[in-house]
Amino acid sequence: MNQAGSMPRRIRSTREQFDRVFQGTSAEPSRSTTCAEYVNDNMGFAVSKLYIKQYFDENARNQSVEMIGNIRSAMKKMLQDAPWMDDDSRSAAADAIYENIGYPTYLASDNNTILENMYAELNGDQTQGENIADNGGIKSSFH
């Protein structure tokens, strides 16, 4: 029933009854909320790029990256000093440490190539169902 909210009112009312019983909701979300969620679900990185451009401070992100780097270095030092670990375990543990800070760096750049490639098939020529199928990888499964 994931796409029921995008369907005509008669189908949405069935979903609303289901949600009322199983989730305790009393009304469906407004159409503007449903539409905004649809765009964010299907073009989340493009929406994120707009949000990042307007609200994020690159300096704050750089400070976070530096701070996480310091934490990572301290973690690696702790691993090196752990007498109960063998070298293979230390190496595997150190390799498992990674940082994922806020958003991919390409979203903050002026280069839109990655986004353009990501959404190349969303050109307005397909139906909503075709776009949903393509975004979910169904199309590539059959080609």
N, C-alpha and C. Protein backbone atom coordinates (compact mmCIF):
# COMPACT_ATOMS: atom_id res chain seq x y z
N MET A 1 0.82 -1.19 0.00
CA MET A 1 0.00 0.00 0.00
C MET A 1 0.86 1.26 0.00
N ASN A 2 2.14 1.12 -0.32
CA ASN A 2 3.06 2.23 -0.27
C ASN A 2 2.67 3.36 -1.22
N GLN A 3 2.17 3.06 -2.40
CA GLN A 3 1.83 4.11 -3.37
C GLN A 3 0.35 4.47 -3.35
N ALA A 4 -0.41 3.94 -2.41
CA ALA A 4 -1.84 4.23 -2.35
C ALA A 4 -2.11 5.72 -2.17
N GLY A 5 -1.22 6.42 -1.45
CA GLY A 5 -1.41 7.85 -1.25
C GLY A 5 -1.30 8.67 -2.52
N SER A 6 -0.72 8.08 -3.58
CA SER A 6 -0.58 8.77 -4.86
C SER A 6 -1.73 8.48 -5.79
N MET A 7 -2.64 7.66 -5.38
CA MET A 7 -3.74 7.21 -6.24
C MET A 7 -4.98 8.09 -6.09
N PRO A 8 -5.99 7.83 -6.91
CA PRO A 8 -7.24 8.61 -6.82
C PRO A 8 -7.90 8.46 -5.44
N ARG A 9 -8.81 9.37 -5.14
CA ARG A 9 -9.46 9.46 -3.83
C ARG A 9 -10.09 8.14 -3.38
N ARG A 10 -10.72 7.38 -4.27
CA ARG A 10 -11.40 6.14 -3.86
C ARG A 10 -10.39 5.12 -3.31
N ILE A 11 -9.19 5.11 -3.87
CA ILE A 11 -8.16 4.19 -3.37
C ILE A 11 -7.54 4.75 -2.09
N ARG A 12 -7.34 6.07 -2.05
CA ARG A 12 -6.80 6.68 -0.84
C ARG A 12 -7.73 6.47 0.34
N SER A 13 -9.05 6.46 0.11
CA SER A 13 -9.98 6.27 1.22
C SER A 13 -9.86 4.85 1.80
N THR A 14 -9.57 3.88 0.95
CA THR A 14 -9.32 2.52 1.45
C THR A 14 -8.07 2.52 2.31
N ARG A 15 -7.03 3.19 1.86
CA ARG A 15 -5.79 3.31 2.63
C ARG A 15 -6.07 4.02 3.95
N GLU A 16 -6.88 5.06 3.91
CA GLU A 16 -7.20 5.82 5.11
C GLU A 16 -7.90 4.93 6.15
N GLN A 17 -8.81 4.08 5.69
CA GLN A 17 -9.49 3.15 6.60
C GLN A 17 -8.49 2.16 7.21
N PHE A 18 -7.59 1.67 6.38
CA PHE A 18 -6.54 0.76 6.85
C PHE A 18 -5.69 1.44 7.92
N ASP A 19 -5.23 2.65 7.62
CA ASP A 19 -4.39 3.39 8.56
C ASP A 19 -5.12 3.70 9.86
N ARG A 20 -6.41 4.00 9.76
CA ARG A 20 -7.20 4.31 10.94
C ARG A 20 -7.21 3.11 11.90
N VAL A 21 -7.34 1.90 11.35
CA VAL A 21 -7.39 0.70 12.18
C VAL A 21 -6.01 0.31 12.70
N PHE A 22 -5.01 0.28 11.82
CA PHE A 22 -3.71 -0.26 12.20
C PHE A 22 -2.74 0.77 12.77
N GLN A 23 -2.93 2.05 12.46
CA GLN A 23 -1.99 3.06 12.95
C GLN A 23 -2.66 4.08 13.87
N GLY A 24 -3.95 4.04 13.97
CA GLY A 24 -4.66 4.96 14.83
C GLY A 24 -4.76 6.37 14.30
N THR A 25 -4.55 6.57 13.00
CA THR A 25 -4.66 7.91 12.44
C THR A 25 -6.13 8.24 12.18
N SER A 26 -6.43 9.53 12.18
CA SER A 26 -7.81 9.94 11.98
C SER A 26 -8.06 10.58 10.62
N ALA A 27 -7.02 10.98 9.91
CA ALA A 27 -7.18 11.60 8.60
C ALA A 27 -5.92 11.40 7.79
N GLU A 28 -6.06 11.43 6.47
CA GLU A 28 -4.87 11.32 5.63
C GLU A 28 -4.13 12.65 5.61
N PRO A 29 -2.84 12.62 5.30
CA PRO A 29 -2.08 13.88 5.22
C PRO A 29 -2.62 14.77 4.10
N SER A 30 -2.35 16.06 4.20
CA SER A 30 -2.79 16.97 3.14
C SER A 30 -2.12 16.58 1.83
N ARG A 31 -2.71 16.98 0.71
CA ARG A 31 -2.14 16.67 -0.60
C ARG A 31 -0.77 17.34 -0.75
N SER A 32 -0.60 18.53 -0.21
CA SER A 32 0.71 19.19 -0.32
C SER A 32 1.78 18.39 0.42
N THR A 33 1.44 17.83 1.57
CA THR A 33 2.38 16.99 2.31
C THR A 33 2.69 15.72 1.52
N THR A 34 1.66 15.11 0.96
CA THR A 34 1.84 13.89 0.16
C THR A 34 2.73 14.17 -1.05
N CYS A 35 2.47 15.27 -1.73
CA CYS A 35 3.27 15.62 -2.92
C CYS A 35 4.72 15.93 -2.55
N ALA A 36 4.92 16.67 -1.46
CA ALA A 36 6.28 16.99 -1.02
C ALA A 36 7.03 15.71 -0.64
N GLU A 37 6.37 14.79 0.04
CA GLU A 37 7.00 13.51 0.39
C GLU A 37 7.34 12.72 -0.86
N TYR A 38 6.46 12.75 -1.86
CA TYR A 38 6.71 12.02 -3.10
C TYR A 38 7.97 12.55 -3.80
N VAL A 39 8.07 13.88 -3.90
CA VAL A 39 9.24 14.48 -4.55
C VAL A 39 10.50 14.13 -3.75
N ASN A 40 10.44 14.25 -2.44
CA ASN A 40 11.60 13.95 -1.62
C ASN A 40 11.98 12.47 -1.71
N ASP A 41 10.99 11.58 -1.73
CA ASP A 41 11.27 10.15 -1.84
C ASP A 41 11.90 9.78 -3.18
N ASN A 42 11.50 10.46 -4.25
CA ASN A 42 11.95 10.09 -5.58
C ASN A 42 13.09 10.94 -6.12
N MET A 43 13.30 12.11 -5.53
CA MET A 43 14.39 12.99 -5.97
C MET A 43 15.09 13.60 -4.76
N GLY A 44 15.32 12.77 -3.75
CA GLY A 44 15.84 13.23 -2.48
C GLY A 44 17.17 13.96 -2.56
N PHE A 45 18.08 13.47 -3.42
CA PHE A 45 19.38 14.13 -3.51
C PHE A 45 19.26 15.51 -4.15
N ALA A 46 18.37 15.66 -5.11
CA ALA A 46 18.16 16.97 -5.73
C ALA A 46 17.55 17.95 -4.71
N VAL A 47 16.60 17.47 -3.94
CA VAL A 47 16.01 18.31 -2.89
C VAL A 47 17.07 18.66 -1.85
N SER A 48 17.89 17.68 -1.49
CA SER A 48 18.96 17.92 -0.51
C SER A 48 19.94 18.98 -0.99
N LYS A 49 20.27 18.95 -2.28
CA LYS A 49 21.21 19.94 -2.83
C LYS A 49 20.66 21.36 -2.63
N LEU A 50 19.38 21.55 -2.89
CA LEU A 50 18.77 22.87 -2.70
C LEU A 50 18.81 23.28 -1.23
N TYR A 51 18.50 22.34 -0.35
CA TYR A 51 18.50 22.62 1.09
C TYR A 51 19.91 22.97 1.57
N ILE A 52 20.89 22.18 1.15
CA ILE A 52 22.29 22.40 1.54
C ILE A 52 22.76 23.77 1.09
N LYS A 53 22.43 24.11 -0.15
CA LYS A 53 22.87 25.39 -0.71
C LYS A 53 22.34 26.57 0.12
N GLN A 54 21.11 26.44 0.60
CA GLN A 54 20.50 27.55 1.32
C GLN A 54 20.85 27.57 2.80
N TYR A 55 20.99 26.40 3.44
CA TYR A 55 21.05 26.39 4.90
C TYR A 55 22.37 25.91 5.52
N PHE A 56 23.21 25.24 4.77
CA PHE A 56 24.42 24.68 5.38
C PHE A 56 25.60 25.60 5.22
N ASP A 57 26.41 25.63 6.24
CA ASP A 57 27.64 26.42 6.27
C ASP A 57 28.81 25.47 6.00
N GLU A 58 29.51 25.68 4.90
CA GLU A 58 30.62 24.80 4.51
C GLU A 58 31.72 24.81 5.57
N ASN A 59 31.93 25.95 6.21
CA ASN A 59 32.94 26.03 7.26
C ASN A 59 32.58 25.11 8.43
N ALA A 60 31.30 25.07 8.81
CA ALA A 60 30.87 24.19 9.89
C ALA A 60 31.09 22.72 9.51
N ARG A 61 30.84 22.40 8.25
CA ARG A 61 31.06 21.02 7.80
C ARG A 61 32.55 20.69 7.85
N ASN A 62 33.39 21.61 7.41
CA ASN A 62 34.83 21.38 7.46
C ASN A 62 35.33 21.18 8.89
N GLN A 63 34.78 21.96 9.83
CA GLN A 63 35.15 21.78 11.23
C GLN A 63 34.71 20.40 11.72
N SER A 64 33.54 19.96 11.30
CA SER A 64 33.06 18.62 11.68
C SER A 64 33.95 17.54 11.10
N VAL A 65 34.36 17.70 9.85
CA VAL A 65 35.25 16.73 9.22
C VAL A 65 36.57 16.64 9.99
N GLU A 66 37.10 17.80 10.38
CA GLU A 66 38.35 17.83 11.15
C GLU A 66 38.17 17.14 12.50
N MET A 67 37.06 17.45 13.19
CA MET A 67 36.80 16.87 14.49
C MET A 67 36.66 15.34 14.38
N ILE A 68 35.93 14.88 13.38
CA ILE A 68 35.75 13.43 13.18
C ILE A 68 37.09 12.79 12.84
N GLY A 69 37.93 13.47 12.08
CA GLY A 69 39.28 12.96 11.79
C GLY A 69 40.09 12.78 13.06
N ASN A 70 39.97 13.74 13.98
CA ASN A 70 40.68 13.62 15.26
C ASN A 70 40.15 12.44 16.07
N ILE A 71 38.85 12.26 16.07
CA ILE A 71 38.24 11.13 16.78
C ILE A 71 38.70 9.81 16.15
N ARG A 72 38.73 9.79 14.83
CA ARG A 72 39.18 8.59 14.12
C ARG A 72 40.63 8.26 14.49
N SER A 73 41.50 9.26 14.52
CA SER A 73 42.90 9.05 14.90
C SER A 73 43.01 8.51 16.31
N ALA A 74 42.21 9.06 17.23
CA ALA A 74 42.23 8.59 18.62
C ALA A 74 41.75 7.14 18.70
N MET A 75 40.73 6.80 17.91
CA MET A 75 40.24 5.42 17.88
C MET A 75 41.32 4.47 17.37
N LYS A 76 42.01 4.86 16.33
CA LYS A 76 43.08 4.02 15.79
C LYS A 76 44.21 3.84 16.81
N LYS A 77 44.51 4.91 17.55
CA LYS A 77 45.54 4.82 18.59
C LYS A 77 45.10 3.85 19.67
N MET A 78 43.82 3.93 20.07
CA MET A 78 43.31 3.00 21.08
C MET A 78 43.40 1.56 20.60
N LEU A 79 43.11 1.35 19.32
CA LEU A 79 43.21 0.00 18.76
C LEU A 79 44.65 -0.50 18.80
N GLN A 80 45.59 0.38 18.46
CA GLN A 80 47.01 -0.01 18.48
C GLN A 80 47.47 -0.38 19.88
N ASP A 81 46.88 0.30 20.88
CA ASP A 81 47.30 0.08 22.27
C ASP A 81 46.53 -1.05 22.95
N ALA A 82 45.58 -1.66 22.26
CA ALA A 82 44.77 -2.73 22.86
C ALA A 82 45.57 -4.03 22.88
N PRO A 83 46.03 -4.47 24.05
CA PRO A 83 46.89 -5.65 24.12
C PRO A 83 46.15 -6.95 23.80
N TRP A 84 44.85 -6.95 23.90
CA TRP A 84 44.07 -8.17 23.70
C TRP A 84 43.75 -8.43 22.23
N MET A 85 44.12 -7.51 21.31
CA MET A 85 43.82 -7.70 19.89
C MET A 85 45.08 -8.14 19.14
N ASP A 86 44.86 -9.04 18.18
CA ASP A 86 45.99 -9.40 17.31
C ASP A 86 46.05 -8.41 16.15
N ASP A 87 47.12 -8.46 15.36
CA ASP A 87 47.32 -7.49 14.29
C ASP A 87 46.23 -7.52 13.24
N ASP A 88 45.77 -8.72 12.89
CA ASP A 88 44.69 -8.83 11.88
C ASP A 88 43.41 -8.17 12.38
N SER A 89 43.09 -8.39 13.66
CA SER A 89 41.88 -7.78 14.24
C SER A 89 42.01 -6.27 14.30
N ARG A 90 43.19 -5.79 14.69
CA ARG A 90 43.42 -4.34 14.73
C ARG A 90 43.22 -3.71 13.36
N SER A 91 43.79 -4.36 12.36
CA SER A 91 43.71 -3.85 11.00
C SER A 91 42.25 -3.84 10.51
N ALA A 92 41.54 -4.93 10.77
CA ALA A 92 40.13 -5.02 10.35
C ALA A 92 39.29 -3.96 11.06
N ALA A 93 39.53 -3.77 12.36
CA ALA A 93 38.78 -2.77 13.12
C ALA A 93 39.08 -1.36 12.61
N ALA A 94 40.34 -1.08 12.32
CA ALA A 94 40.72 0.25 11.81
C ALA A 94 40.09 0.51 10.45
N ASP A 95 40.05 -0.52 9.61
CA ASP A 95 39.45 -0.37 8.28
C ASP A 95 37.93 -0.17 8.35
N ALA A 96 37.32 -0.65 9.44
CA ALA A 96 35.87 -0.55 9.57
C ALA A 96 35.42 0.84 10.01
N ILE A 97 36.34 1.67 10.47
CA ILE A 97 35.98 3.02 10.91
C ILE A 97 35.87 3.93 9.68
N TYR A 98 34.74 4.53 9.52
CA TYR A 98 34.55 5.46 8.41
C TYR A 98 33.67 6.61 8.88
N GLU A 99 33.74 7.71 8.18
CA GLU A 99 32.89 8.83 8.53
C GLU A 99 31.88 9.10 7.42
N ASN A 100 30.73 9.48 7.84
CA ASN A 100 29.64 9.80 6.92
C ASN A 100 29.02 11.09 7.46
N ILE A 101 29.54 12.21 7.04
CA ILE A 101 29.19 13.48 7.66
C ILE A 101 28.20 14.27 6.81
N GLY A 102 26.99 14.33 7.27
CA GLY A 102 25.98 15.19 6.70
C GLY A 102 25.45 14.83 5.33
N TYR A 103 26.30 14.88 4.33
CA TYR A 103 25.85 14.67 2.96
C TYR A 103 27.05 14.40 2.07
N PRO A 104 26.83 13.77 0.91
CA PRO A 104 27.95 13.55 -0.02
C PRO A 104 28.51 14.90 -0.51
N THR A 105 29.81 14.98 -0.66
CA THR A 105 30.44 16.26 -1.02
C THR A 105 29.95 16.81 -2.35
N TYR A 106 29.54 15.94 -3.29
CA TYR A 106 29.11 16.45 -4.59
C TYR A 106 27.84 17.29 -4.49
N LEU A 107 27.07 17.14 -3.41
CA LEU A 107 25.85 17.94 -3.27
C LEU A 107 26.16 19.40 -2.97
N ALA A 108 27.31 19.68 -2.39
CA ALA A 108 27.67 21.06 -2.07
C ALA A 108 28.41 21.75 -3.21
N SER A 109 28.80 20.99 -4.23
CA SER A 109 29.56 21.59 -5.33
C SER A 109 28.62 22.19 -6.39
N ASP A 110 29.19 22.97 -7.28
CA ASP A 110 28.41 23.55 -8.38
C ASP A 110 28.30 22.58 -9.55
N ASN A 111 29.00 21.47 -9.48
CA ASN A 111 28.97 20.46 -10.54
C ASN A 111 27.73 19.57 -10.34
N ASN A 112 26.83 19.59 -11.30
CA ASN A 112 25.58 18.83 -11.22
C ASN A 112 25.61 17.53 -12.00
N THR A 113 26.76 17.12 -12.51
CA THR A 113 26.85 15.95 -13.38
C THR A 113 26.31 14.69 -12.71
N ILE A 114 26.69 14.45 -11.46
CA ILE A 114 26.23 13.25 -10.77
C ILE A 114 24.71 13.26 -10.64
N LEU A 115 24.14 14.40 -10.24
CA LEU A 115 22.68 14.49 -10.12
C LEU A 115 22.00 14.35 -11.47
N GLU A 116 22.55 14.97 -12.49
CA GLU A 116 21.96 14.86 -13.82
C GLU A 116 21.96 13.41 -14.29
N ASN A 117 23.03 12.69 -14.04
CA ASN A 117 23.07 11.27 -14.40
C ASN A 117 22.10 10.45 -13.57
N MET A 118 22.00 10.79 -12.29
CA MET A 118 21.14 10.05 -11.38
C MET A 118 19.66 10.16 -11.80
N TYR A 119 19.27 11.33 -12.27
CA TYR A 119 17.87 11.58 -12.61
C TYR A 119 17.63 11.72 -14.11
N ALA A 120 18.56 11.22 -14.93
CA ALA A 120 18.48 11.40 -16.37
C ALA A 120 17.18 10.86 -16.97
N GLU A 121 16.69 9.76 -16.44
CA GLU A 121 15.49 9.16 -17.02
C GLU A 121 14.20 9.79 -16.52
N LEU A 122 14.27 10.67 -15.55
CA LEU A 122 13.08 11.37 -15.06
C LEU A 122 12.91 12.64 -15.90
N ASN A 123 12.44 12.47 -17.10
CA ASN A 123 12.40 13.57 -18.06
C ASN A 123 11.00 14.12 -18.31
N GLY A 124 10.01 13.63 -17.61
CA GLY A 124 8.64 14.11 -17.79
C GLY A 124 7.89 13.37 -18.88
N ASP A 125 8.57 12.49 -19.62
CA ASP A 125 7.91 11.73 -20.69
C ASP A 125 7.25 10.45 -20.17
N GLN A 126 7.66 9.99 -18.99
CA GLN A 126 7.12 8.75 -18.46
C GLN A 126 5.95 9.02 -17.53
N THR A 127 5.15 7.99 -17.33
CA THR A 127 4.05 8.10 -16.37
C THR A 127 4.63 8.01 -14.96
N GLN A 128 3.82 8.34 -13.98
CA GLN A 128 4.26 8.24 -12.60
C GLN A 128 4.66 6.80 -12.27
N GLY A 129 3.89 5.85 -12.72
CA GLY A 129 4.21 4.44 -12.46
C GLY A 129 5.53 4.03 -13.08
N GLU A 130 5.80 4.49 -14.30
CA GLU A 130 7.08 4.16 -14.95
C GLU A 130 8.24 4.78 -14.19
N ASN A 131 8.07 6.02 -13.72
CA ASN A 131 9.12 6.67 -12.95
C ASN A 131 9.36 5.95 -11.63
N ILE A 132 8.30 5.53 -10.96
CA ILE A 132 8.44 4.79 -9.71
C ILE A 132 9.18 3.48 -9.97
N ALA A 133 8.79 2.79 -11.03
CA ALA A 133 9.45 1.52 -11.37
C ALA A 133 10.92 1.73 -11.69
N ASP A 134 11.23 2.76 -12.47
CA ASP A 134 12.62 3.03 -12.83
C ASP A 134 13.44 3.40 -11.60
N ASN A 135 12.85 4.23 -10.73
CA ASN A 135 13.58 4.66 -9.54
C ASN A 135 13.86 3.48 -8.61
N GLY A 136 12.99 2.48 -8.63
CA GLY A 136 13.19 1.31 -7.78
C GLY A 136 14.08 0.26 -8.42
N GLY A 137 14.57 0.52 -9.62
CA GLY A 137 15.49 -0.42 -10.26
C GLY A 137 14.80 -1.55 -11.01
N ILE A 138 13.49 -1.48 -11.15
CA ILE A 138 12.77 -2.55 -11.81
C ILE A 138 13.12 -2.61 -13.29
N LYS A 139 13.21 -1.45 -13.93
CA LYS A 139 13.51 -1.41 -15.35
C LYS A 139 14.81 -2.11 -15.66
N SER A 140 15.85 -1.84 -14.86
CA SER A 140 17.15 -2.44 -15.14
C SER A 140 17.14 -3.94 -14.93
N SER A 141 16.21 -4.44 -14.13
CA SER A 141 16.12 -5.87 -13.91
C SER A 141 15.64 -6.63 -15.13
N PHE A 142 14.92 -5.94 -16.02
CA PHE A 142 14.34 -6.60 -17.19
C PHE A 142 15.08 -6.29 -18.48
N HIS A 143 16.14 -5.53 -18.44
CA HIS A 143 16.91 -5.19 -19.64
C HIS A 143 18.25 -5.86 -19.63
